[in-house]
């Protein structure tokens, strides 16, 4: 068969599928979707990823196949943003703050006490706040099609003593979580250390770290509580973990496929909110059962955290990102009428 005949047959077959203007390779890839996340099993993010994949399968009657890559099996925390941009994964669920090295203003949700209610934050993300966040990601070839949450951050685990107020961090070598977290730790007299979450357990075990900052979800799911007796559980800052897609790939889908996938994504949001509340309470119960000391700051102590951690992080954020960050904070303030 000559090359010209093969080409004519390929064009004819594509047309019979209603895919004129798309190559056969594109048509095939549109029906198989690669979805990645790095959080381990039995976390709100992992559950949302699983539910999202199943919803796509159900809504499409199996016509769209979703290949899931959980627990960093395709992309890890450190490279998932780049991997989505270059279409290694077509879709991914991960922390928005991992974009901060490309778009510094997207670290906004790591500012303590901006919001302490995931349901209210979800409503805000479906308004101007979400539009402004999405516009920043569009510049990097990514679109948000649904919202999710990692859980409440930041909590603390360490092997030395109870942390009741920010001043109790003094002298501790602590794994930080982002630039704002590192600045806050330094201001309290702690030594911030940048360590990948996959290495925290052994670092705590060996004593190269005294403790770590993260959401209670990671402290439990990554079993850091086994090597850190003291836990301070603070119910603030539901970190935003959007369902994101590669924009070029997304535009290559049919409108019907985009509508279906978007419907599947949005359909997981309310359950994701419920899951992080359930997870937070369940993690406290689990660690207490394990024998850990789990401390919940009093209202007076929480005010100290808010006055010190929240105010300083907000100032540091604006000093670093300027007007682009101020616009996002204005959106948050307007949504929560601050």
C-alpha atoms as a PDB file:
ATOM      1  CA  UNK A   1       0.000   0.000   0.000  1.00  0.00           C
ATOM      2  CA  UNK A   2       1.427   3.355  -0.969  1.00  0.00           C
ATOM      3  CA  UNK A   3       1.947   6.177   1.490  1.00  0.00           C
ATOM      4  CA  UNK A   4      -0.741   8.303  -0.237  1.00  0.00           C
ATOM      5  CA  UNK A   5      -3.356   5.535   0.000  1.00  0.00           C
ATOM      6  CA  UNK A   6      -2.574   4.956   3.697  1.00  0.00           C
ATOM      7  CA  UNK A   7      -2.969   8.688   4.286  1.00  0.00           C
ATOM      8  CA  UNK A   8      -6.355   8.765   2.508  1.00  0.00           C
ATOM      9  CA  UNK A   9      -7.600   5.802   4.537  1.00  0.00           C
ATOM     10  CA  UNK A  10      -6.490   7.450   7.777  1.00  0.00           C
ATOM     11  CA  UNK A  11      -8.312  10.683   6.893  1.00  0.00           C
ATOM     12  CA  UNK A  12     -11.428   8.732   5.916  1.00  0.00           C
ATOM     13  CA  UNK A  13     -11.399   6.791   9.205  1.00  0.00           C
ATOM     14  CA  UNK A  14     -10.931   9.958  11.274  1.00  0.00           C
ATOM     15  CA  UNK A  15     -13.834  11.594   9.483  1.00  0.00           C
ATOM     16  CA  UNK A  16     -16.072   8.596  10.137  1.00  0.00           C
ATOM     17  CA  UNK A  17     -15.468   9.137  13.856  1.00  0.00           C
ATOM     18  CA  UNK A  18     -16.432  12.778  13.638  1.00  0.00           C
ATOM     19  CA  UNK A  19     -12.864  13.802  14.387  1.00  0.00           C
ATOM     20  CA  UNK A  20     -12.074  15.915  11.350  1.00  0.00           C
ATOM     21  CA  UNK A  21      -9.146  18.199  12.058  1.00  0.00           C
ATOM     22  CA  UNK A  22      -7.661  15.877  14.686  1.00  0.00           C
ATOM     23  CA  UNK A  23      -5.011  13.228  14.130  1.00  0.00           C
ATOM     24  CA  UNK A  24      -5.708   9.610  15.003  1.00  0.00           C
ATOM     25  CA  UNK A  25      -3.061   9.813  17.729  1.00  0.00           C
ATOM     26  CA  UNK A  26      -4.849  12.784  19.275  1.00  0.00           C
ATOM     27  CA  UNK A  27      -8.191  11.020  19.067  1.00  0.00           C
ATOM     28  CA  UNK A  28      -6.826   7.974  20.877  1.00  0.00           C
ATOM     29  CA  UNK A  29      -5.136  10.022  23.597  1.00  0.00           C
ATOM     30  CA  UNK A  30      -8.343  11.937  24.239  1.00  0.00           C
ATOM     31  CA  UNK A  31     -10.025   8.695  25.255  1.00  0.00           C
ATOM     32  CA  UNK A  32      -7.284   7.703  27.706  1.00  0.00           C
ATOM     33  CA  UNK A  33      -6.555  10.220  30.433  1.00  0.00           C
ATOM     34  CA  UNK A  34      -3.533  10.255  32.720  1.00  0.00           C
ATOM     35  CA  UNK A  35      -4.447  11.522  36.210  1.00  0.00           C
ATOM     36  CA  UNK A  36      -1.723  11.960  38.842  1.00  0.00           C
ATOM     37  CA  UNK A  37      -1.452  12.936  42.502  1.00  0.00           C
ATOM     38  CA  UNK A  38       1.316  12.502  45.089  1.00  0.00           C
ATOM     39  CA  UNK A  39      -0.599  12.143  48.348  1.00  0.00           C
ATOM     40  CA  UNK A  40      -0.637   8.635  49.860  1.00  0.00           C
ATOM     41  CA  UNK A  41      -3.747   6.451  50.199  1.00  0.00           C
ATOM     42  CA  UNK A  42      -6.455   7.167  52.774  1.00  0.00           C
ATOM     43  CA  UNK A  43      -6.091  10.942  52.487  1.00  0.00           C
ATOM     44  CA  UNK A  44      -8.730  13.391  51.287  1.00  0.00           C
ATOM     45  CA  UNK A  45      -6.731  14.135  48.113  1.00  0.00           C
ATOM     46  CA  UNK A  46      -6.275  10.464  47.258  1.00  0.00           C
ATOM     47  CA  UNK A  47      -9.967   9.787  47.860  1.00  0.00           C
ATOM     48  CA  UNK A  48     -10.950  12.718  45.645  1.00  0.00           C
ATOM     49  CA  UNK A  49      -8.655  11.456  42.875  1.00  0.00           C
ATOM     50  CA  UNK A  50     -10.203   7.991  43.040  1.00  0.00           C
ATOM     51  CA  UNK A  51     -13.757   9.395  43.099  1.00  0.00           C
ATOM     52  CA  UNK A  52     -12.990  11.758  40.217  1.00  0.00           C
ATOM     53  CA  UNK A  53     -11.638   8.943  38.042  1.00  0.00           C
ATOM     54  CA  UNK A  54     -14.659   6.757  38.789  1.00  0.00           C
ATOM     55  CA  UNK A  55     -17.062   9.610  38.019  1.00  0.00           C
ATOM     56  CA  UNK A  56     -15.468  10.123  34.596  1.00  0.00           C
ATOM     57  CA  UNK A  57     -15.804   6.416  33.863  1.00  0.00           C
ATOM     58  CA  UNK A  58     -19.429   6.358  34.994  1.00  0.00           C
ATOM     59  CA  UNK A  59     -20.510   9.552  33.201  1.00  0.00           C
ATOM     60  CA  UNK A  60     -18.836   8.476  29.957  1.00  0.00           C
ATOM     61  CA  UNK A  61     -20.132   4.896  30.217  1.00  0.00           C
ATOM     62  CA  UNK A  62     -16.535   3.752  30.012  1.00  0.00           C
ATOM     63  CA  UNK A  63     -15.756   5.645  26.805  1.00  0.00           C
ATOM     64  CA  UNK A  64     -13.122   7.694  28.591  1.00  0.00           C
ATOM     65  CA  UNK A  65     -10.517   5.548  30.306  1.00  0.00           C
ATOM     66  CA  UNK A  66      -8.697   7.102  33.248  1.00  0.00           C
ATOM     67  CA  UNK A  67      -5.244   5.839  34.154  1.00  0.00           C
ATOM     68  CA  UNK A  68      -4.529   6.915  37.737  1.00  0.00           C
ATOM     69  CA  UNK A  69      -1.027   7.466  39.103  1.00  0.00           C
ATOM     70  CA  UNK A  70      -1.346   7.860  42.894  1.00  0.00           C
ATOM     71  CA  UNK A  71       1.231   8.384  45.638  1.00  0.00           C
ATOM     72  CA  UNK A  72       3.809  10.050  43.398  1.00  0.00           C
ATOM     73  CA  UNK A  73       4.057   7.011  41.107  1.00  0.00           C
ATOM     74  CA  UNK A  74       4.270   9.263  38.024  1.00  0.00           C
ATOM     75  CA  UNK A  75       5.070  12.716  39.409  1.00  0.00           C
ATOM     76  CA  UNK A  76       6.323  13.745  42.845  1.00  0.00           C
ATOM     77  CA  UNK A  77       5.789  16.966  44.800  1.00  0.00           C
ATOM     78  CA  UNK A  78       8.950  18.485  43.373  1.00  0.00           C
ATOM     79  CA  UNK A  79       8.135  17.960  39.681  1.00  0.00           C
ATOM     80  CA  UNK A  80       4.354  17.647  39.418  1.00  0.00           C
ATOM     81  CA  UNK A  81       3.793  21.272  38.332  1.00  0.00           C
ATOM     82  CA  UNK A  82       6.331  20.899  35.522  1.00  0.00           C
ATOM     83  CA  UNK A  83       4.933  17.466  34.662  1.00  0.00           C
ATOM     84  CA  UNK A  84       1.460  18.890  34.189  1.00  0.00           C
ATOM     85  CA  UNK A  85       2.796  21.797  32.124  1.00  0.00           C
ATOM     86  CA  UNK A  86       4.574  19.429  29.738  1.00  0.00           C
ATOM     87  CA  UNK A  87       1.619  16.995  29.650  1.00  0.00           C
ATOM     88  CA  UNK A  88       3.374  14.075  31.326  1.00  0.00           C
ATOM     89  CA  UNK A  89       0.057  13.961  33.172  1.00  0.00           C
ATOM     90  CA  UNK A  90      -3.048  15.306  31.437  1.00  0.00           C
ATOM     91  CA  UNK A  91      -4.675  16.024  34.795  1.00  0.00           C
ATOM     92  CA  UNK A  92      -3.380  16.274  38.344  1.00  0.00           C
ATOM     93  CA  UNK A  93      -4.491  17.110  41.873  1.00  0.00           C
ATOM     94  CA  UNK A  94      -1.835  18.858  43.932  1.00  0.00           C
ATOM     95  CA  UNK A  95      -1.054  21.800  46.150  1.00  0.00           C
ATOM     96  CA  UNK A  96      -1.302  25.166  44.492  1.00  0.00           C
ATOM     97  CA  UNK A  97       1.714  26.334  46.498  1.00  0.00           C
ATOM     98  CA  UNK A  98       3.926  24.056  44.386  1.00  0.00           C
ATOM     99  CA  UNK A  99       3.473  26.638  41.621  1.00  0.00           C
ATOM    100  CA  UNK A 100       5.070  29.353  43.750  1.00  0.00           C
ATOM    101  CA  UNK A 101       8.527  28.974  42.242  1.00  0.00           C
ATOM    102  CA  UNK A 102       6.992  29.855  38.869  1.00  0.00           C
ATOM    103  CA  UNK A 103       4.214  32.143  40.148  1.00  0.00           C
ATOM    104  CA  UNK A 104       5.066  33.367  43.677  1.00  0.00           C
ATOM    105  CA  UNK A 105       1.601  34.782  44.361  1.00  0.00           C
ATOM    106  CA  UNK A 106       0.155  31.246  44.350  1.00  0.00           C
ATOM    107  CA  UNK A 107       1.567  30.602  47.809  1.00  0.00           C
ATOM    108  CA  UNK A 108      -1.281  32.697  49.235  1.00  0.00           C
ATOM    109  CA  UNK A 109      -3.140  29.800  50.837  1.00  0.00           C
ATOM    110  CA  UNK A 110      -0.179  28.968  53.101  1.00  0.00           C
ATOM    111  CA  UNK A 111      -0.763  32.226  55.021  1.00  0.00           C
ATOM    112  CA  UNK A 112      -2.167  31.100  58.389  1.00  0.00           C
ATOM    113  CA  UNK A 113      -5.685  32.103  59.355  1.00  0.00           C
ATOM    114  CA  UNK A 114      -6.711  33.560  56.003  1.00  0.00           C
ATOM    115  CA  UNK A 115      -9.579  31.082  56.164  1.00  0.00           C
ATOM    116  CA  UNK A 116     -10.499  28.363  58.619  1.00  0.00           C
ATOM    117  CA  UNK A 117     -13.603  26.986  56.912  1.00  0.00           C
ATOM    118  CA  UNK A 118     -13.226  24.905  53.763  1.00  0.00           C
ATOM    119  CA  UNK A 119     -16.864  25.237  52.720  1.00  0.00           C
ATOM    120  CA  UNK A 120     -16.711  29.028  52.752  1.00  0.00           C
ATOM    121  CA  UNK A 121     -13.384  28.954  50.926  1.00  0.00           C
ATOM    122  CA  UNK A 122     -14.859  26.672  48.262  1.00  0.00           C
ATOM    123  CA  UNK A 123     -17.621  29.220  47.655  1.00  0.00           C
ATOM    124  CA  UNK A 124     -14.994  31.970  47.309  1.00  0.00           C
ATOM    125  CA  UNK A 125     -13.006  29.879  44.835  1.00  0.00           C
ATOM    126  CA  UNK A 126     -16.091  29.675  42.630  1.00  0.00           C
ATOM    127  CA  UNK A 127     -16.032  33.486  42.480  1.00  0.00           C
ATOM    128  CA  UNK A 128     -13.470  36.169  41.743  1.00  0.00           C
ATOM    129  CA  UNK A 129     -10.780  34.553  43.900  1.00  0.00           C
ATOM    130  CA  UNK A 130     -10.856  31.404  41.790  1.00  0.00           C
ATOM    131  CA  UNK A 131     -10.914  33.393  38.553  1.00  0.00           C
ATOM    132  CA  UNK A 132      -7.801  35.341  39.523  1.00  0.00           C
ATOM    133  CA  UNK A 133      -5.975  32.190  40.633  1.00  0.00           C
ATOM    134  CA  UNK A 134      -6.907  30.405  37.407  1.00  0.00           C
ATOM    135  CA  UNK A 135      -5.713  33.334  35.282  1.00  0.00           C
ATOM    136  CA  UNK A 136      -2.253  33.004  36.816  1.00  0.00           C
ATOM    137  CA  UNK A 137      -2.131  29.277  36.083  1.00  0.00           C
ATOM    138  CA  UNK A 138      -3.284  29.824  32.494  1.00  0.00           C
ATOM    139  CA  UNK A 139       0.000  31.647  31.873  1.00  0.00           C
ATOM    140  CA  UNK A 140       1.768  28.361  32.614  1.00  0.00           C
ATOM    141  CA  UNK A 141      -0.420  26.245  30.351  1.00  0.00           C
ATOM    142  CA  UNK A 142      -2.734  24.943  33.065  1.00  0.00           C
ATOM    143  CA  UNK A 143      -6.476  25.250  33.739  1.00  0.00           C
ATOM    144  CA  UNK A 144      -8.376  24.558  36.959  1.00  0.00           C
ATOM    145  CA  UNK A 145     -11.566  22.541  36.431  1.00  0.00           C
ATOM    146  CA  UNK A 146     -12.441  21.741  40.039  1.00  0.00           C
ATOM    147  CA  UNK A 147     -11.370  22.455  43.594  1.00  0.00           C
ATOM    148  CA  UNK A 148     -10.149  20.279  46.413  1.00  0.00           C
ATOM    149  CA  UNK A 149      -8.341  20.607  49.709  1.00  0.00           C
ATOM    150  CA  UNK A 150      -5.413  18.870  51.326  1.00  0.00           C
ATOM    151  CA  UNK A 151      -6.713  19.535  54.799  1.00  0.00           C
ATOM    152  CA  UNK A 152      -5.882  21.830  57.655  1.00  0.00           C
ATOM    153  CA  UNK A 153      -2.317  23.072  57.864  1.00  0.00           C
ATOM    154  CA  UNK A 154      -0.064  23.766  59.482  1.00  0.00           C
ATOM    155  CA  UNK A 155       0.245  21.413  62.419  1.00  0.00           C
ATOM    156  CA  UNK A 156       3.450  20.429  64.195  1.00  0.00           C
ATOM    157  CA  UNK A 157       5.101  17.186  65.237  1.00  0.00           C
ATOM    158  CA  UNK A 158       8.331  16.882  67.203  1.00  0.00           C
ATOM    159  CA  UNK A 159      10.199  14.618  69.591  1.00  0.00           C
ATOM    160  CA  UNK A 160      11.302  17.195  72.167  1.00  0.00           C
ATOM    161  CA  UNK A 161       8.386  18.900  73.903  1.00  0.00           C
ATOM    162  CA  UNK A 162       4.842  20.215  73.617  1.00  0.00           C
ATOM    163  CA  UNK A 163       4.409  23.214  71.322  1.00  0.00           C
ATOM    164  CA  UNK A 164       1.611  25.376  72.721  1.00  0.00           C
ATOM    165  CA  UNK A 165       2.540  28.808  71.348  1.00  0.00           C
ATOM    166  CA  UNK A 166       4.912  30.066  68.626  1.00  0.00           C
ATOM    167  CA  UNK A 167       7.599  30.755  71.241  1.00  0.00           C
ATOM    168  CA  UNK A 168       7.842  27.015  71.974  1.00  0.00           C
ATOM    169  CA  UNK A 169       9.459  26.509  68.569  1.00  0.00           C
ATOM    170  CA  UNK A 170      12.665  28.170  69.731  1.00  0.00           C
ATOM    171  CA  UNK A 171      15.749  25.975  69.380  1.00  0.00           C
ATOM    172  CA  UNK A 172      14.069  23.239  67.320  1.00  0.00           C
ATOM    173  CA  UNK A 173      15.313  22.016  63.939  1.00  0.00           C
ATOM    174  CA  UNK A 174      12.058  21.899  62.006  1.00  0.00           C
ATOM    175  CA  UNK A 175      11.186  20.747  58.523  1.00  0.00           C
ATOM    176  CA  UNK A 176       9.554  23.797  56.929  1.00  0.00           C
ATOM    177  CA  UNK A 177       6.783  23.827  54.360  1.00  0.00           C
ATOM    178  CA  UNK A 178       7.498  26.567  51.855  1.00  0.00           C
ATOM    179  CA  UNK A 179       9.190  29.954  52.072  1.00  0.00           C
ATOM    180  CA  UNK A 180       6.635  31.607  54.330  1.00  0.00           C
ATOM    181  CA  UNK A 181       6.815  28.705  56.768  1.00  0.00           C
ATOM    182  CA  UNK A 182      10.633  28.921  56.828  1.00  0.00           C
ATOM    183  CA  UNK A 183      10.558  32.659  57.560  1.00  0.00           C
ATOM    184  CA  UNK A 184       8.093  32.167  60.387  1.00  0.00           C
ATOM    185  CA  UNK A 185      10.184  29.407  61.977  1.00  0.00           C
ATOM    186  CA  UNK A 186      13.323  31.531  61.784  1.00  0.00           C
ATOM    187  CA  UNK A 187      11.518  34.459  63.404  1.00  0.00           C
ATOM    188  CA  UNK A 188      10.594  32.203  66.342  1.00  0.00           C
ATOM    189  CA  UNK A 189      14.173  31.065  66.877  1.00  0.00           C
ATOM    190  CA  UNK A 190      13.784  27.670  65.207  1.00  0.00           C
ATOM    191  CA  UNK A 191      16.038  26.362  62.442  1.00  0.00           C
ATOM    192  CA  UNK A 192      14.033  25.674  59.261  1.00  0.00           C
ATOM    193  CA  UNK A 193      15.237  22.777  57.135  1.00  0.00           C
ATOM    194  CA  UNK A 194      14.026  22.018  53.601  1.00  0.00           C
ATOM    195  CA  UNK A 195      13.342  18.282  53.481  1.00  0.00           C
ATOM    196  CA  UNK A 196      11.131  16.398  51.024  1.00  0.00           C
ATOM    197  CA  UNK A 197       8.160  14.814  52.742  1.00  0.00           C
ATOM    198  CA  UNK A 198       9.375  11.356  51.724  1.00  0.00           C
ATOM    199  CA  UNK A 199      12.559  11.888  53.805  1.00  0.00           C
ATOM    200  CA  UNK A 200      11.032  13.347  56.975  1.00  0.00           C
ATOM    201  CA  UNK A 201      10.425  10.011  58.723  1.00  0.00           C
ATOM    202  CA  UNK A 202      14.052   8.896  58.572  1.00  0.00           C
ATOM    203  CA  UNK A 203      15.276  12.420  59.424  1.00  0.00           C
ATOM    204  CA  UNK A 204      13.140  12.447  62.575  1.00  0.00           C
ATOM    205  CA  UNK A 205      14.228   8.915  63.380  1.00  0.00           C
ATOM    206  CA  UNK A 206      17.930   9.759  63.054  1.00  0.00           C
ATOM    207  CA  UNK A 207      17.656  13.037  64.940  1.00  0.00           C
ATOM    208  CA  UNK A 208      18.772  15.233  62.044  1.00  0.00           C
ATOM    209  CA  UNK A 209      15.359  16.869  62.490  1.00  0.00           C
ATOM    210  CA  UNK A 210      13.646  17.611  65.798  1.00  0.00           C
ATOM    211  CA  UNK A 211      10.261  18.043  64.182  1.00  0.00           C
ATOM    212  CA  UNK A 212       8.259  18.969  61.135  1.00  0.00           C
ATOM    213  CA  UNK A 213       5.584  21.379  59.973  1.00  0.00           C
ATOM    214  CA  UNK A 214       2.793  19.988  57.814  1.00  0.00           C
ATOM    215  CA  UNK A 215      -0.871  19.225  57.819  1.00  0.00           C
ATOM    216  CA  UNK A 216      -2.083  16.640  60.288  1.00  0.00           C
ATOM    217  CA  UNK A 217      -2.959  14.574  57.228  1.00  0.00           C
ATOM    218  CA  UNK A 218       0.719  14.123  56.302  1.00  0.00           C
ATOM    219  CA  UNK A 219       1.804  13.618  59.900  1.00  0.00           C
ATOM    220  CA  UNK A 220      -0.537  10.631  60.047  1.00  0.00           C
ATOM    221  CA  UNK A 221      -0.541   9.248  56.498  1.00  0.00           C
ATOM    222  CA  UNK A 222       3.265   9.368  56.322  1.00  0.00           C
ATOM    223  CA  UNK A 223       3.493   7.958  59.870  1.00  0.00           C
ATOM    224  CA  UNK A 224       5.641  10.769  61.263  1.00  0.00           C
ATOM    225  CA  UNK A 225       3.759  10.375  64.534  1.00  0.00           C
ATOM    226  CA  UNK A 226       5.666   7.112  65.029  1.00  0.00           C
ATOM    227  CA  UNK A 227       8.933   9.053  65.419  1.00  0.00           C
ATOM    228  CA  UNK A 228       7.581  12.260  66.976  1.00  0.00           C
ATOM    229  CA  UNK A 229       5.675  11.960  70.228  1.00  0.00           C
ATOM    230  CA  UNK A 230       4.361  15.532  70.516  1.00  0.00           C
ATOM    231  CA  UNK A 231       1.721  16.799  68.097  1.00  0.00           C
ATOM    232  CA  UNK A 232       0.104  20.223  67.974  1.00  0.00           C
ATOM    233  CA  UNK A 233      -3.095  20.047  65.921  1.00  0.00           C
ATOM    234  CA  UNK A 234      -4.305  23.423  64.666  1.00  0.00           C
ATOM    235  CA  UNK A 235      -7.507  23.799  62.659  1.00  0.00           C
ATOM    236  CA  UNK A 236      -6.615  26.527  60.187  1.00  0.00           C
ATOM    237  CA  UNK A 237      -5.680  27.096  56.554  1.00  0.00           C
ATOM    238  CA  UNK A 238      -7.285  24.433  54.373  1.00  0.00           C
ATOM    239  CA  UNK A 239      -4.587  24.224  51.693  1.00  0.00           C
ATOM    240  CA  UNK A 240      -6.058  24.407  48.199  1.00  0.00           C
ATOM    241  CA  UNK A 241      -5.418  21.367  45.990  1.00  0.00           C
ATOM    242  CA  UNK A 242      -7.164  22.105  42.677  1.00  0.00           C
ATOM    243  CA  UNK A 243      -8.010  19.572  39.992  1.00  0.00           C
ATOM    244  CA  UNK A 244      -5.837  20.911  37.181  1.00  0.00           C
ATOM    245  CA  UNK A 245      -5.467  20.027  33.507  1.00  0.00           C
ATOM    246  CA  UNK A 246      -2.895  20.690  30.824  1.00  0.00           C
ATOM    247  CA  UNK A 247      -4.472  23.557  28.909  1.00  0.00           C
ATOM    248  CA  UNK A 248      -3.301  22.574  25.400  1.00  0.00           C
ATOM    249  CA  UNK A 249      -4.490  19.004  25.912  1.00  0.00           C
ATOM    250  CA  UNK A 250      -7.771  20.292  27.359  1.00  0.00           C
ATOM    251  CA  UNK A 251      -8.462  22.477  24.336  1.00  0.00           C
ATOM    252  CA  UNK A 252      -7.894  19.454  22.094  1.00  0.00           C
ATOM    253  CA  UNK A 253     -10.839  17.607  23.624  1.00  0.00           C
ATOM    254  CA  UNK A 254     -14.361  17.877  22.296  1.00  0.00           C
ATOM    255  CA  UNK A 255     -16.769  20.158  24.109  1.00  0.00           C
ATOM    256  CA  UNK A 256     -18.733  17.085  25.179  1.00  0.00           C
ATOM    257  CA  UNK A 257     -15.641  15.547  26.754  1.00  0.00           C
ATOM    258  CA  UNK A 258     -14.717  18.794  28.542  1.00  0.00           C
ATOM    259  CA  UNK A 259     -18.238  19.177  29.897  1.00  0.00           C
ATOM    260  CA  UNK A 260     -18.299  15.603  31.143  1.00  0.00           C
ATOM    261  CA  UNK A 261     -14.903  15.798  32.868  1.00  0.00           C
ATOM    262  CA  UNK A 262     -15.754  19.164  34.427  1.00  0.00           C
ATOM    263  CA  UNK A 263     -19.024  17.760  35.749  1.00  0.00           C
ATOM    264  CA  UNK A 264     -17.107  14.854  37.269  1.00  0.00           C
ATOM    265  CA  UNK A 265     -14.604  17.233  38.898  1.00  0.00           C
ATOM    266  CA  UNK A 266     -17.160  19.599  40.398  1.00  0.00           C
ATOM    267  CA  UNK A 267     -19.153  16.624  41.610  1.00  0.00           C
ATOM    268  CA  UNK A 268     -16.310  15.638  43.960  1.00  0.00           C
ATOM    269  CA  UNK A 269     -15.923  19.028  45.668  1.00  0.00           C
ATOM    270  CA  UNK A 270     -18.490  18.865  48.475  1.00  0.00           C
ATOM    271  CA  UNK A 271     -17.353  15.395  49.468  1.00  0.00           C
ATOM    272  CA  UNK A 272     -13.761  16.658  49.537  1.00  0.00           C
ATOM    273  CA  UNK A 273     -14.788  19.336  52.048  1.00  0.00           C
ATOM    274  CA  UNK A 274     -16.517  16.764  54.230  1.00  0.00           C
ATOM    275  CA  UNK A 275     -13.534  14.427  53.971  1.00  0.00           C
ATOM    276  CA  UNK A 276     -10.973  16.873  55.361  1.00  0.00           C
ATOM    277  CA  UNK A 277     -13.144  17.507  58.426  1.00  0.00           C
ATOM    278  CA  UNK A 278     -13.582  13.798  58.982  1.00  0.00           C
ATOM    279  CA  UNK A 279      -9.885  13.203  58.365  1.00  0.00           C
ATOM    280  CA  UNK A 280      -8.780  15.888  60.851  1.00  0.00           C
ATOM    281  CA  UNK A 281     -10.857  14.421  63.688  1.00  0.00           C
ATOM    282  CA  UNK A 282      -9.954  10.868  62.758  1.00  0.00           C
ATOM    283  CA  UNK A 283      -6.230  11.656  62.717  1.00  0.00           C
ATOM    284  CA  UNK A 284      -6.422  13.128  66.219  1.00  0.00           C
ATOM    285  CA  UNK A 285      -8.154   9.998  67.486  1.00  0.00           C
ATOM    286  CA  UNK A 286      -5.615   7.713  65.785  1.00  0.00           C
ATOM    287  CA  UNK A 287      -2.546   9.476  67.163  1.00  0.00           C
ATOM    288  CA  UNK A 288      -3.990   9.596  70.670  1.00  0.00           C
ATOM    289  CA  UNK A 289      -4.685   5.882  70.464  1.00  0.00           C
ATOM    290  CA  UNK A 290      -1.076   5.377  69.411  1.00  0.00           C
ATOM    291  CA  UNK A 291       0.029   7.119  72.623  1.00  0.00           C
ATOM    292  CA  UNK A 292       0.996  10.496  71.212  1.00  0.00           C
ATOM    293  CA  UNK A 293       0.388  13.675  73.129  1.00  0.00           C
ATOM    294  CA  UNK A 294      -1.964  15.709  70.916  1.00  0.00           C
ATOM    295  CA  UNK A 295      -2.297  19.331  71.953  1.00  0.00           C
ATOM    296  CA  UNK A 296      -5.106  21.639  70.806  1.00  0.00           C
ATOM    297  CA  UNK A 297      -4.271  25.296  71.558  1.00  0.00           C
ATOM    298  CA  UNK A 298      -6.717  27.239  73.703  1.00  0.00           C
ATOM    299  CA  UNK A 299      -8.530  30.283  72.325  1.00  0.00           C
ATOM    300  CA  UNK A 300      -5.975  32.569  73.986  1.00  0.00           C
ATOM    301  CA  UNK A 301      -3.096  30.576  72.493  1.00  0.00           C
ATOM    302  CA  UNK A 302      -4.767  30.518  69.075  1.00  0.00           C
ATOM    303  CA  UNK A 303      -4.876  34.295  69.175  1.00  0.00           C
ATOM    304  CA  UNK A 304      -1.107  34.282  69.657  1.00  0.00           C
ATOM    305  CA  UNK A 305      -0.692  32.017  66.634  1.00  0.00           C
ATOM    306  CA  UNK A 306      -2.959  34.280  64.616  1.00  0.00           C
ATOM    307  CA  UNK A 307      -1.280  37.495  65.734  1.00  0.00           C
ATOM    308  CA  UNK A 308       2.248  36.186  65.210  1.00  0.00           C
ATOM    309  CA  UNK A 309       2.036  33.603  62.428  1.00  0.00           C
ATOM    310  CA  UNK A 310      -0.823  35.083  60.417  1.00  0.00           C
ATOM    311  CA  UNK A 311       0.224  38.717  60.509  1.00  0.00           C
ATOM    312  CA  UNK A 312       3.894  38.042  59.809  1.00  0.00           C
ATOM    313  CA  UNK A 313       3.183  35.633  56.934  1.00  0.00           C
ATOM    314  CA  UNK A 314       0.849  38.142  55.312  1.00  0.00           C
ATOM    315  CA  UNK A 315       3.522  40.852  55.491  1.00  0.00           C
ATOM    316  CA  UNK A 316       6.208  38.512  54.142  1.00  0.00           C
ATOM    317  CA  UNK A 317       3.934  37.430  51.292  1.00  0.00           C
ATOM    318  CA  UNK A 318       3.182  40.996  50.162  1.00  0.00           C
ATOM    319  CA  UNK A 319       6.844  41.994  50.517  1.00  0.00           C
ATOM    320  CA  UNK A 320       7.796  39.150  48.185  1.00  0.00           C
ATOM    321  CA  UNK A 321       5.083  39.257  45.514  1.00  0.00           C
ATOM    322  CA  UNK A 322       3.737  42.816  45.617  1.00  0.00           C
ATOM    323  CA  UNK A 323       0.603  43.886  43.746  1.00  0.00           C
ATOM    324  CA  UNK A 324      -0.177  40.464  42.253  1.00  0.00           C
ATOM    325  CA  UNK A 325      -0.395  39.044  45.770  1.00  0.00           C
ATOM    326  CA  UNK A 326      -2.359  42.003  47.069  1.00  0.00           C
ATOM    327  CA  UNK A 327      -5.042  41.361  44.461  1.00  0.00           C
ATOM    328  CA  UNK A 328      -5.497  37.794  45.697  1.00  0.00           C
ATOM    329  CA  UNK A 329      -5.613  38.913  49.337  1.00  0.00           C
ATOM    330  CA  UNK A 330      -8.209  41.538  48.386  1.00  0.00           C
ATOM    331  CA  UNK A 331     -10.288  38.729  46.855  1.00  0.00           C
ATOM    332  CA  UNK A 332      -9.977  36.680  50.047  1.00  0.00           C
ATOM    333  CA  UNK A 333     -10.803  39.631  52.276  1.00  0.00           C
ATOM    334  CA  UNK A 334     -13.843  40.508  50.164  1.00  0.00           C
ATOM    335  CA  UNK A 335     -15.082  36.915  50.259  1.00  0.00           C
ATOM    336  CA  UNK A 336     -14.714  36.706  54.029  1.00  0.00           C
ATOM    337  CA  UNK A 337     -15.613  40.377  54.619  1.00  0.00           C
ATOM    338  CA  UNK A 338     -12.444  41.131  56.547  1.00  0.00           C
END
